[in-house]
Protein backbone atom coordinates (compact mmCIF):
# COMPACT_ATOMS: atom_id res chain seq x y z
CA MET A 1 -52.10 3.80 26.37
CA GLU A 2 -49.53 5.79 28.31
CA LYS A 3 -46.78 3.59 26.86
CA LYS A 4 -47.91 4.38 23.31
CA LYS A 5 -48.01 8.09 24.11
CA GLY A 6 -44.48 7.83 25.47
CA ILE A 7 -43.27 6.16 22.25
CA TRP A 8 -44.83 8.86 20.08
CA ARG A 9 -43.41 11.54 22.38
CA ASP A 10 -39.91 10.08 21.97
CA ILE A 11 -40.36 9.91 18.18
CA PHE A 12 -41.42 13.56 18.10
CA ARG A 13 -38.41 14.58 20.16
CA SER A 14 -36.08 12.79 17.74
CA ARG A 15 -38.06 13.79 14.62
CA TYR A 16 -35.05 15.30 12.88
CA LEU A 17 -33.08 12.09 13.25
CA TYR A 18 -35.98 10.13 11.77
CA LEU A 19 -36.21 12.60 8.89
CA MET A 20 -32.52 12.03 8.17
CA LEU A 21 -33.28 8.31 7.86
CA ILE A 22 -35.75 8.88 4.97
CA PRO A 23 -33.11 9.11 2.16
CA PHE A 24 -31.44 5.95 3.43
CA LEU A 25 -34.79 4.09 3.61
CA PHE A 26 -35.60 5.27 0.09
CA TRP A 27 -32.26 3.94 -1.17
CA LEU A 28 -32.76 0.68 0.71
CA ILE A 29 -36.24 0.12 -0.79
CA VAL A 30 -35.28 1.08 -4.36
CA PHE A 31 -31.97 -0.78 -4.61
CA ASN A 32 -32.42 -3.65 -2.14
CA TYR A 33 -36.05 -4.58 -1.76
CA ILE A 34 -37.62 -3.82 -5.15
CA PRO A 35 -34.93 -5.83 -7.05
CA MET A 36 -35.81 -8.83 -4.87
CA GLY A 37 -38.82 -9.23 -7.10
CA GLY A 38 -36.43 -10.63 -9.68
CA ILE A 39 -36.04 -13.74 -7.51
CA ILE A 40 -38.99 -15.26 -9.40
CA LEU A 41 -36.68 -15.54 -12.44
CA ALA A 42 -35.01 -18.45 -10.63
CA PHE A 43 -38.23 -20.43 -11.07
CA LYS A 44 -39.02 -19.34 -14.66
CA ASP A 45 -37.71 -19.95 -18.14
CA TYR A 46 -37.24 -16.27 -18.88
CA LYS A 47 -38.14 -15.07 -22.40
CA ALA A 48 -37.51 -11.41 -23.20
CA LYS A 49 -40.51 -11.26 -25.53
CA LEU A 50 -42.87 -12.56 -22.81
CA GLY A 51 -41.40 -10.55 -19.93
CA ILE A 52 -40.85 -11.69 -16.37
CA LEU A 53 -44.51 -12.30 -15.52
CA GLY A 54 -45.36 -13.86 -18.89
CA SER A 55 -42.46 -16.34 -18.93
CA PRO A 56 -43.37 -19.95 -18.11
CA TRP A 57 -42.72 -21.46 -14.68
CA VAL A 58 -40.17 -24.27 -14.55
CA GLY A 59 -40.10 -24.95 -10.84
CA LEU A 60 -36.72 -26.14 -9.50
CA LYS A 61 -35.26 -26.96 -12.94
CA HIS A 62 -32.51 -24.33 -12.71
CA PHE A 63 -31.47 -25.50 -9.24
CA GLN A 64 -31.28 -29.12 -10.44
CA ARG A 65 -29.17 -28.01 -13.39
CA MET A 66 -26.86 -26.12 -11.05
CA PHE A 67 -25.89 -29.30 -9.17
CA VAL A 68 -25.27 -31.37 -12.30
CA THR A 69 -23.25 -28.68 -14.16
CA PRO A 70 -19.52 -29.34 -13.49
CA ASP A 71 -18.56 -25.66 -13.87
CA ALA A 72 -21.21 -24.55 -11.35
CA VAL A 73 -20.23 -27.22 -8.80
CA LYS A 74 -16.55 -26.30 -9.19
CA ALA A 75 -17.35 -22.58 -8.72
CA ILE A 76 -19.25 -23.40 -5.48
CA LEU A 77 -16.38 -25.50 -4.11
CA ASN A 78 -13.83 -22.83 -5.09
CA THR A 79 -15.91 -20.21 -3.32
CA PHE A 80 -15.95 -22.19 -0.09
CA GLU A 81 -12.21 -22.96 -0.32
CA ILE A 82 -11.17 -19.35 -0.97
CA SER A 83 -13.54 -17.97 1.71
CA PHE A 84 -12.31 -20.39 4.38
CA GLY A 85 -8.75 -19.50 3.39
CA ARG A 86 -9.62 -15.83 3.88
CA ILE A 87 -10.91 -16.57 7.42
CA ILE A 88 -7.65 -18.31 8.30
CA TRP A 89 -5.17 -15.94 6.64
CA GLU A 90 -7.02 -12.61 6.66
CA PHE A 91 -9.43 -12.39 9.60
CA PRO A 92 -6.78 -12.39 12.44
CA MET A 93 -4.44 -9.89 10.71
CA PRO A 94 -6.37 -6.63 11.48
CA ILE A 95 -6.61 -7.69 15.10
CA LEU A 96 -2.87 -8.18 15.36
CA LEU A 97 -2.19 -4.90 13.54
CA ALA A 98 -4.59 -2.99 15.82
CA ILE A 99 -2.85 -4.36 18.92
CA MET A 100 0.64 -3.58 17.56
CA ILE A 101 -0.28 0.00 16.58
CA THR A 102 -2.00 0.79 19.89
CA GLU A 103 1.03 -0.62 21.76
CA MET A 104 3.37 1.86 20.04
CA ALA A 105 4.75 4.76 22.01
CA GLY A 106 4.07 8.17 20.56
CA THR A 107 0.84 9.49 19.02
CA LYS A 108 2.53 10.78 15.85
CA LEU A 109 4.12 7.41 15.13
CA LYS A 110 0.75 5.67 15.62
CA LYS A 111 -0.93 8.02 13.17
CA LEU A 112 1.87 7.57 10.62
CA TYR A 113 1.60 3.79 10.63
CA GLN A 114 -2.21 3.92 10.63
CA THR A 115 -2.13 6.18 7.55
CA ILE A 116 0.42 3.94 5.78
CA PHE A 117 -1.63 0.79 6.37
CA THR A 118 -5.02 2.43 5.63
CA PHE A 119 -4.08 4.17 2.36
CA PRO A 120 -4.23 1.05 0.07
CA HIS A 121 -7.93 0.62 0.93
CA PHE A 122 -8.73 3.62 -1.26
CA LEU A 123 -7.14 2.08 -4.36
CA SER A 124 -9.51 0.27 -6.69
CA TRP A 125 -8.89 -3.38 -7.54
CA VAL A 126 -8.27 -2.32 -11.15
CA VAL A 127 -5.24 -0.29 -10.00
CA VAL A 128 -4.11 -2.99 -7.53
CA SER A 129 -4.37 -5.77 -10.13
CA SER A 130 -2.24 -3.68 -12.53
CA ILE A 131 0.40 -3.30 -9.77
CA VAL A 132 0.29 -7.04 -9.02
CA THR A 133 0.68 -7.90 -12.71
CA ALA A 134 3.60 -5.48 -13.07
CA PHE A 135 5.38 -7.11 -10.14
CA PHE A 136 4.42 -10.81 -10.34
CA SER A 137 3.82 -11.66 -14.01
CA SER A 138 6.37 -13.80 -15.90
CA SER A 139 7.95 -10.55 -17.18
CA GLY A 140 7.35 -8.63 -13.93
CA VAL A 141 9.88 -7.05 -11.55
CA VAL A 142 10.04 -10.06 -9.17
CA ASN A 143 10.63 -12.62 -11.87
CA MET A 144 13.20 -10.42 -13.57
CA ALA A 145 15.09 -10.29 -10.25
CA VAL A 146 14.75 -14.07 -9.89
CA SER A 147 16.03 -14.64 -13.43
CA SER A 148 18.99 -12.36 -12.85
CA LEU A 149 20.01 -14.72 -10.00
CA GLY A 150 19.98 -17.65 -12.41
CA LEU A 151 16.81 -19.19 -10.89
CA GLU A 152 13.64 -20.38 -12.59
CA LYS A 153 10.78 -17.92 -12.83
CA ILE A 154 7.96 -18.34 -10.33
CA PRO A 155 4.47 -18.70 -11.91
CA PHE A 156 2.60 -16.47 -9.42
CA LEU A 157 -0.29 -15.76 -11.80
CA THR A 158 -0.48 -19.11 -13.60
CA ASP A 159 -0.18 -21.60 -10.72
CA GLY A 160 -3.43 -22.19 -8.82
CA LYS A 161 -1.92 -22.51 -5.33
CA LEU A 162 0.40 -19.52 -5.75
CA PHE A 163 -2.46 -17.45 -7.18
CA ARG A 164 -4.60 -18.11 -4.14
CA ALA A 165 -1.68 -17.18 -1.85
CA LEU A 166 -1.39 -13.98 -3.86
CA LEU A 167 -5.11 -13.33 -3.34
CA TYR A 168 -4.74 -13.52 0.44
CA ALA A 169 -1.56 -11.45 0.45
CA THR A 170 -2.97 -8.63 -1.73
CA GLU A 171 -6.27 -8.59 0.19
CA ASN A 172 -4.34 -8.24 3.47
CA TRP A 173 -2.14 -5.50 2.01
CA LYS A 174 -5.17 -3.55 0.74
CA GLU A 175 -7.65 -3.99 3.61
CA ILE A 176 -5.70 -4.73 6.80
CA GLY A 177 -5.40 -1.09 7.85
CA TRP A 178 -9.03 -0.24 7.15
CA SER A 179 -10.31 -3.37 8.91
CA ALA A 180 -8.10 -2.65 11.94
CA ILE A 181 -9.81 0.72 12.62
CA ILE A 182 -12.80 -0.86 14.40
CA TYR A 183 -10.50 -2.92 16.63
CA MET A 184 -8.33 0.12 17.48
CA ALA A 185 -11.47 2.07 18.40
CA THR A 186 -12.49 -0.77 20.72
CA ILE A 187 -9.05 -0.91 22.34
CA THR A 188 -9.04 2.85 23.03
CA SER A 189 -12.40 2.44 24.83
CA ILE A 190 -10.93 -0.05 27.33
CA ASP A 191 -10.49 1.48 30.82
CA PRO A 192 -6.78 2.46 31.23
CA THR A 193 -6.97 1.78 34.98
CA LEU A 194 -7.19 -1.94 34.19
CA TYR A 195 -3.71 -1.79 32.67
CA GLU A 196 -2.40 0.26 35.59
CA ALA A 197 -3.76 -2.23 38.11
CA ALA A 198 -2.33 -5.16 36.16
CA SER A 199 1.04 -3.44 35.94
CA ILE A 200 1.09 -2.83 39.73
CA ASP A 201 0.29 -6.53 40.25
CA GLY A 202 3.37 -7.40 38.17
CA ALA A 203 1.66 -8.51 34.95
CA SER A 204 3.90 -8.32 31.87
CA ARG A 205 2.80 -6.45 28.76
CA ILE A 206 2.02 -9.74 26.98
CA LYS A 207 -0.22 -10.84 29.89
CA GLN A 208 -1.95 -7.46 29.84
CA ILE A 209 -2.64 -7.85 26.10
CA TRP A 210 -3.90 -11.42 26.57
CA HIS A 211 -6.12 -10.82 29.61
CA ILE A 212 -7.26 -7.21 29.14
CA THR A 213 -6.94 -6.18 25.49
CA LEU A 214 -8.18 -9.40 23.97
CA SER A 215 -10.93 -9.70 26.60
CA GLY A 216 -12.08 -6.17 25.68
CA LEU A 217 -11.95 -7.06 22.00
CA LYS A 218 -14.00 -10.25 22.41
CA PRO A 219 -17.45 -8.73 21.63
CA THR A 220 -16.10 -6.94 18.53
CA ILE A 221 -14.24 -10.04 17.32
CA ALA A 222 -17.40 -12.13 17.83
CA ILE A 223 -19.57 -9.72 15.78
CA MET A 224 -17.00 -9.41 12.99
CA PHE A 225 -16.55 -13.19 12.88
CA ILE A 226 -20.34 -13.68 12.57
CA LEU A 227 -20.41 -11.19 9.68
CA LYS A 228 -17.40 -12.91 8.04
CA ILE A 229 -19.13 -16.30 8.20
CA GLY A 230 -22.38 -14.78 6.94
CA SER A 231 -20.61 -13.48 3.82
CA ILE A 232 -18.65 -16.66 3.15
CA MET A 233 -20.21 -17.06 -0.31
CA ASN A 234 -18.78 -13.64 -1.24
CA ALA A 235 -15.21 -14.67 -2.02
CA GLY A 236 -14.18 -11.31 -3.47
CA PHE A 237 -15.57 -10.67 -6.95
CA ASP A 238 -13.75 -7.38 -7.65
CA GLN A 239 -10.35 -8.80 -6.71
CA ILE A 240 -10.64 -12.14 -8.51
CA PHE A 241 -12.36 -10.67 -11.58
CA ASN A 242 -9.47 -8.24 -12.13
CA MET A 243 -6.65 -10.68 -11.28
CA ARG A 244 -7.84 -13.94 -12.88
CA ASN A 245 -6.81 -15.34 -16.23
CA ASP A 246 -7.82 -18.33 -18.35
CA VAL A 247 -4.83 -20.45 -17.27
CA ILE A 248 -6.03 -20.66 -13.66
CA LYS A 249 -9.79 -20.52 -14.33
CA ALA A 250 -10.30 -23.93 -12.71
CA THR A 251 -9.02 -22.69 -9.34
CA SER A 252 -10.09 -19.03 -9.51
CA GLN A 253 -13.68 -19.36 -10.74
CA ILE A 254 -16.08 -18.46 -7.90
CA ILE A 255 -19.87 -18.16 -7.86
CA ASP A 256 -19.86 -14.40 -8.61
CA THR A 257 -17.49 -14.71 -11.60
CA TYR A 258 -19.43 -17.74 -12.79
CA ILE A 259 -22.71 -15.81 -12.69
CA TYR A 260 -21.01 -12.97 -14.61
CA ASP A 261 -19.71 -15.38 -17.26
CA ILE A 262 -23.00 -17.19 -17.87
CA THR A 263 -24.96 -13.92 -17.87
CA PHE A 264 -22.82 -11.57 -19.95
CA GLN A 265 -20.23 -13.64 -21.81
CA ALA A 266 -22.04 -16.83 -22.77
CA THR A 267 -25.60 -17.17 -24.14
CA PRO A 268 -27.60 -15.27 -21.48
CA ASN A 269 -29.70 -17.47 -19.21
CA PHE A 270 -31.17 -15.11 -16.65
CA GLY A 271 -33.24 -17.82 -14.96
CA PHE A 272 -30.19 -19.98 -14.27
CA SER A 273 -28.15 -16.96 -13.14
CA ALA A 274 -30.92 -15.93 -10.74
CA ALA A 275 -31.07 -19.49 -9.35
CA VAL A 276 -27.33 -19.50 -8.64
CA GLY A 277 -27.57 -16.08 -7.05
CA LEU A 278 -30.53 -17.13 -4.88
CA PHE A 279 -28.68 -20.26 -3.79
CA LYS A 280 -25.73 -18.07 -2.73
CA GLY A 281 -27.99 -15.77 -0.74
CA VAL A 282 -29.76 -18.62 1.05
CA ILE A 283 -26.45 -20.26 2.04
CA ASN A 284 -25.12 -16.94 3.36
CA PHE A 285 -28.27 -16.48 5.46
CA VAL A 286 -28.11 -20.01 6.87
CA LEU A 287 -24.41 -19.71 7.72
CA LEU A 288 -25.01 -16.29 9.33
CA THR A 289 -27.75 -17.74 11.55
CA ILE A 290 -25.66 -20.78 12.51
CA ALA A 291 -22.56 -18.69 13.23
CA ASN A 292 -24.65 -16.30 15.34
CA GLN A 293 -25.95 -19.15 17.49
CA VAL A 294 -22.62 -20.96 17.85
CA VAL A 295 -20.68 -17.81 18.74
CA GLY A 296 -23.47 -16.87 21.17
CA VAL A 297 -23.09 -20.23 22.95
CA LEU A 298 -19.29 -20.09 23.03
CA THR A 299 -18.75 -16.44 23.95
CA GLY A 300 -22.13 -15.11 25.05
CA GLU A 301 -21.96 -12.48 22.30
CA LYS A 302 -24.65 -12.44 19.57
CA MET A 303 -25.35 -10.18 16.64
CA PHE A 304 -29.08 -10.79 16.91
CA SER A 305 -31.40 -12.95 19.03
CA ILE A 306 -33.80 -15.57 17.64
CA GLY A 307 -37.03 -16.38 19.41
CA LYS A 308 -38.90 -14.74 22.25
CA ARG A 309 -37.07 -12.62 24.76
CA LYS A 310 -37.22 -13.64 28.36
CA PRO A 311 -39.14 -11.18 30.54
């Protein structure tokens, strides 16, 4: 009884903080939880005249269709390939940038570089894709320079492999500074006396980074890696949607763009679209759970615990 009174006493003391949570909870319920009712479309043959509840049930028909439709299977494979490529080529970059900026001498210089690298984050992918097209299309600045040297033009936007490399490069250019902020904040929270002690013991700067900085970053890296794995089915809709073209559709089509195409460009099939979206969500959840457990075993850092807590 006393424990319950203590909980209510703490809630009353922090009542203003809880009141500030109400708008966020309202937003969460309206835009995240209520739309989840549309999941039932994945198991129905939706007819607009009959409505969601009146449409007939079809069971797992849409899911079976998803695995026998070549375009859907290709979109799933492309999503995995692009997402794993992002982990390899994009995930480590903000960590390296954060270390390099924090190792710089001079506060003003650090702020200058942080501003330069962070600014592209605030550009929309519509603007970025226009810049990329202006520079890397067959008539763009880069190919004009290549042609002036008597060399063949490089098909950046029409060759599948080069297009994917361009995806990773532009994502890094746009997001590396913003993603590095959390790592820089973690580095600044590391006790400076650890570096002083290591320096007195004769440790080089590289050894200090390896044994102190990276050790201090380990919990943050573990959490960010878990989140990255948990969103592996999100291969970057905004970026790919704005940069893709019909020539490289076979290598650039991902689940999100496929759902868009079959929902808004082809004959609408909301049931099939919902099934593909539900499949994507389930895979993300499973991968998030697995990554959380594996990273927990390897590093001792977990985003959340599963099962009963030990007393």
